[in-house]
Amino acid sequence: MNLEMQQFKADFFKALAHPLRIRILELLAEGDKNVNEIQNLIGSEGSAVSQQLTVLRAKNIVYGTKDGNRVIYSLRDPMIVELLSVAKQIFNNHLVNTLSLLDKIGEEVKDSSE
């Protein structure tokens, strides 16, 4: 069971391991959108957006619903919003730690030059 769970997590994070896929998920966290809306908001080619949506669909992270000749994309699990928020918090923590380290290095350089 543990190996299956670890494999699921690895596959899940691999599906998230692309900046454009993350941006698509951030947009879908704000609400359902079709490909054209996503393209316009990202400013990317349709083929790139469609390709990344295909990866996200294959891993059951998003799903599409037909609306006439359009497909409306949605997050499959609302907890994706929380995951993106936690990732942002982790990034901010790393940024704060890096800035703190740079400040210390700057002080050491200043002290050694005096």
C-alpha atoms as a PDB file:
ATOM      1  CA  MET A   1       0.000   0.000   0.000  1.00  0.00           C
ATOM      2  CA  ASN A   2       2.762   2.467   0.899  1.00  0.00           C
ATOM      3  CA  LEU A   3       4.524   1.871  -2.408  1.00  0.00           C
ATOM      4  CA  GLU A   4       1.277   2.500  -4.288  1.00  0.00           C
ATOM      5  CA  MET A   5       0.738   5.746  -2.385  1.00  0.00           C
ATOM      6  CA  GLN A   6       4.311   6.866  -2.999  1.00  0.00           C
ATOM      7  CA  GLN A   7       3.953   6.096  -6.708  1.00  0.00           C
ATOM      8  CA  PHE A   8       0.685   8.038  -6.836  1.00  0.00           C
ATOM      9  CA  LYS A   9       2.363  11.037  -5.182  1.00  0.00           C
ATOM     10  CA  ALA A  10       5.358  10.850  -7.528  1.00  0.00           C
ATOM     11  CA  ASP A  11       3.096  10.701 -10.597  1.00  0.00           C
ATOM     12  CA  PHE A  12       0.931  13.500  -9.233  1.00  0.00           C
ATOM     13  CA  PHE A  13       3.890  15.820  -8.642  1.00  0.00           C
ATOM     14  CA  LYS A  14       5.348  14.950 -12.056  1.00  0.00           C
ATOM     15  CA  ALA A  15       2.073  16.145 -13.578  1.00  0.00           C
ATOM     16  CA  LEU A  16       2.504  19.452 -11.745  1.00  0.00           C
ATOM     17  CA  ALA A  17       6.160  19.803 -12.741  1.00  0.00           C
ATOM     18  CA  HIS A  18       5.716  22.395 -15.479  1.00  0.00           C
ATOM     19  CA  PRO A  19       5.304  26.171 -15.057  1.00  0.00           C
ATOM     20  CA  LEU A  20       2.513  26.383 -17.638  1.00  0.00           C
ATOM     21  CA  ARG A  21       0.548  23.595 -15.925  1.00  0.00           C
ATOM     22  CA  ILE A  22       0.893  25.399 -12.598  1.00  0.00           C
ATOM     23  CA  ARG A  23      -0.343  28.637 -14.193  1.00  0.00           C
ATOM     24  CA  ILE A  24      -3.322  26.803 -15.697  1.00  0.00           C
ATOM     25  CA  LEU A  25      -4.185  25.387 -12.271  1.00  0.00           C
ATOM     26  CA  GLU A  26      -3.901  28.835 -10.700  1.00  0.00           C
ATOM     27  CA  LEU A  27      -6.352  30.179 -13.281  1.00  0.00           C
ATOM     28  CA  LEU A  28      -8.756  27.283 -12.771  1.00  0.00           C
ATOM     29  CA  ALA A  29      -8.550  27.879  -9.012  1.00  0.00           C
ATOM     30  CA  GLU A  30     -10.261  31.210  -9.763  1.00  0.00           C
ATOM     31  CA  GLY A  31     -13.041  29.468 -11.677  1.00  0.00           C
ATOM     32  CA  ASP A  32     -13.831  27.200 -14.609  1.00  0.00           C
ATOM     33  CA  LYS A  33     -12.518  28.297 -18.005  1.00  0.00           C
ATOM     34  CA  ASN A  34     -12.395  27.145 -21.607  1.00  0.00           C
ATOM     35  CA  VAL A  35      -9.189  26.839 -23.636  1.00  0.00           C
ATOM     36  CA  ASN A  36      -9.593  30.256 -25.280  1.00  0.00           C
ATOM     37  CA  GLU A  37     -10.012  31.973 -21.919  1.00  0.00           C
ATOM     38  CA  ILE A  38      -6.944  30.200 -20.547  1.00  0.00           C
ATOM     39  CA  GLN A  39      -4.936  31.097 -23.677  1.00  0.00           C
ATOM     40  CA  ASN A  40      -5.891  34.753 -23.445  1.00  0.00           C
ATOM     41  CA  LEU A  41      -5.082  35.009 -19.755  1.00  0.00           C
ATOM     42  CA  ILE A  42      -1.741  33.254 -20.150  1.00  0.00           C
ATOM     43  CA  GLY A  43      -0.832  34.823 -23.470  1.00  0.00           C
ATOM     44  CA  SER A  44       0.281  31.477 -24.843  1.00  0.00           C
ATOM     45  CA  GLU A  45      -0.381  29.508 -27.996  1.00  0.00           C
ATOM     46  CA  GLY A  46      -3.422  27.262 -28.032  1.00  0.00           C
ATOM     47  CA  SER A  47      -1.393  24.175 -28.823  1.00  0.00           C
ATOM     48  CA  ALA A  48       0.795  24.681 -25.738  1.00  0.00           C
ATOM     49  CA  VAL A  49      -2.220  25.173 -23.483  1.00  0.00           C
ATOM     50  CA  SER A  50      -4.050  22.196 -24.989  1.00  0.00           C
ATOM     51  CA  GLN A  51      -0.982  20.004 -24.600  1.00  0.00           C
ATOM     52  CA  GLN A  52      -0.648  20.888 -20.905  1.00  0.00           C
ATOM     53  CA  LEU A  53      -4.382  20.417 -20.306  1.00  0.00           C
ATOM     54  CA  THR A  54      -4.060  16.940 -21.831  1.00  0.00           C
ATOM     55  CA  VAL A  55      -1.380  16.054 -19.265  1.00  0.00           C
ATOM     56  CA  LEU A  56      -3.518  17.413 -16.413  1.00  0.00           C
ATOM     57  CA  ARG A  57      -6.565  15.501 -17.666  1.00  0.00           C
ATOM     58  CA  ALA A  58      -4.594  12.270 -18.033  1.00  0.00           C
ATOM     59  CA  LYS A  59      -3.594  12.495 -14.364  1.00  0.00           C
ATOM     60  CA  ASN A  60      -7.169  13.348 -13.290  1.00  0.00           C
ATOM     61  CA  ILE A  61      -6.160  16.759 -11.964  1.00  0.00           C
ATOM     62  CA  VAL A  62      -8.609  18.616 -14.202  1.00  0.00           C
ATOM     63  CA  TYR A  63     -11.651  17.543 -16.176  1.00  0.00           C
ATOM     64  CA  GLY A  64     -13.491  18.964 -19.129  1.00  0.00           C
ATOM     65  CA  THR A  65     -17.230  19.356 -19.655  1.00  0.00           C
ATOM     66  CA  LYS A  66     -18.673  19.874 -23.128  1.00  0.00           C
ATOM     67  CA  ASP A  67     -20.620  23.111 -23.575  1.00  0.00           C
ATOM     68  CA  GLY A  68     -21.718  23.231 -27.191  1.00  0.00           C
ATOM     69  CA  ASN A  69     -18.517  23.250 -29.223  1.00  0.00           C
ATOM     70  CA  ARG A  70     -16.387  24.321 -26.235  1.00  0.00           C
ATOM     71  CA  VAL A  71     -14.882  22.354 -23.383  1.00  0.00           C
ATOM     72  CA  ILE A  72     -15.002  23.998 -19.966  1.00  0.00           C
ATOM     73  CA  TYR A  73     -12.137  22.929 -17.696  1.00  0.00           C
ATOM     74  CA  SER A  74     -12.405  22.572 -13.925  1.00  0.00           C
ATOM     75  CA  LEU A  75     -10.244  21.369 -11.072  1.00  0.00           C
ATOM     76  CA  ARG A  76     -11.133  17.797 -10.185  1.00  0.00           C
ATOM     77  CA  ASP A  77     -10.336  18.327  -6.508  1.00  0.00           C
ATOM     78  CA  PRO A  78     -10.755  21.701  -4.762  1.00  0.00           C
ATOM     79  CA  MET A  79      -7.822  20.819  -2.495  1.00  0.00           C
ATOM     80  CA  ILE A  80      -5.551  21.722  -5.429  1.00  0.00           C
ATOM     81  CA  VAL A  81      -6.211  25.348  -4.426  1.00  0.00           C
ATOM     82  CA  GLU A  82      -4.836  24.595  -0.950  1.00  0.00           C
ATOM     83  CA  LEU A  83      -1.846  22.773  -2.418  1.00  0.00           C
ATOM     84  CA  LEU A  84      -0.975  25.785  -4.583  1.00  0.00           C
ATOM     85  CA  SER A  85      -1.337  28.058  -1.562  1.00  0.00           C
ATOM     86  CA  VAL A  86       0.966  25.861   0.536  1.00  0.00           C
ATOM     87  CA  ALA A  87       3.527  25.789  -2.296  1.00  0.00           C
ATOM     88  CA  LYS A  88       3.444  29.601  -2.374  1.00  0.00           C
ATOM     89  CA  GLN A  89       3.973  29.742   1.401  1.00  0.00           C
ATOM     90  CA  ILE A  90       6.941  27.363   1.122  1.00  0.00           C
ATOM     91  CA  PHE A  91       8.407  29.558  -1.632  1.00  0.00           C
ATOM     92  CA  ASN A  92       7.948  32.656   0.548  1.00  0.00           C
ATOM     93  CA  ASN A  93       9.635  30.896   3.490  1.00  0.00           C
ATOM     94  CA  HIS A  94      12.601  29.992   1.287  1.00  0.00           C
ATOM     95  CA  LEU A  95      12.742  33.560   0.016  1.00  0.00           C
ATOM     96  CA  VAL A  96      12.737  34.969   3.565  1.00  0.00           C
ATOM     97  CA  ASN A  97      15.496  32.541   4.586  1.00  0.00           C
ATOM     98  CA  THR A  98      17.566  33.453   1.515  1.00  0.00           C
ATOM     99  CA  LEU A  99      17.172  37.180   2.170  1.00  0.00           C
ATOM    100  CA  SER A 100      18.161  36.672   5.794  1.00  0.00           C
ATOM    101  CA  LEU A 101      21.261  34.749   4.734  1.00  0.00           C
ATOM    102  CA  LEU A 102      22.189  37.471   2.231  1.00  0.00           C
ATOM    103  CA  ASP A 103      21.822  40.105   4.970  1.00  0.00           C
ATOM    104  CA  LYS A 104      24.185  38.130   7.233  1.00  0.00           C
ATOM    105  CA  ILE A 105      26.726  37.726   4.438  1.00  0.00           C
ATOM    106  CA  GLY A 106      26.475  41.451   3.699  1.00  0.00           C
ATOM    107  CA  GLU A 107      27.120  42.284   7.348  1.00  0.00           C
ATOM    108  CA  GLU A 108      30.132  39.931   7.475  1.00  0.00           C
ATOM    109  CA  VAL A 109      31.593  41.501   4.331  1.00  0.00           C
ATOM    110  CA  LYS A 110      31.004  44.975   5.770  1.00  0.00           C
ATOM    111  CA  ASP A 111      32.607  44.022   9.112  1.00  0.00           C
ATOM    112  CA  SER A 112      35.657  42.471   7.445  1.00  0.00           C
ATOM    113  CA  SER A 113      36.257  45.529   5.273  1.00  0.00           C
ATOM    114  CA  GLU A 114      36.261  47.957   8.209  1.00  0.00           C
END
